[in-house]
Amino acid sequence: MFGVFIDSIGRARPSDPEAWAGVELWAPCFKVAVAGTTGSGDATIAGFLAGLLRDLPAAQALTMAGGGRGVHVEQSTP
């Protein structure tokens, strides 16, 4: 099912979709001083998509997702 989806995402498609097939990753959160968590899920997805658009391997895209979340929660949110 994943292969069907990933082939349909156009220019955002990884150059090697087979490298993403069946991948299941887990990563710890970065340790940061939390100022607020509002929007942290959005920041996580934005980091992941940035990694995908940069054609990074899945593990590095996951690291970007965690980094985006970490930076976001350190910032003061209204």
Foldseek 3Di string as FASTA:
>chain_A
DVVVVLVPPPLLRAPDVVLVPPDDDDDDADDADFQDQVCLQVQLVVQLSVCSNVNHGNVVSNVSSRVSSRVVRNDHDD
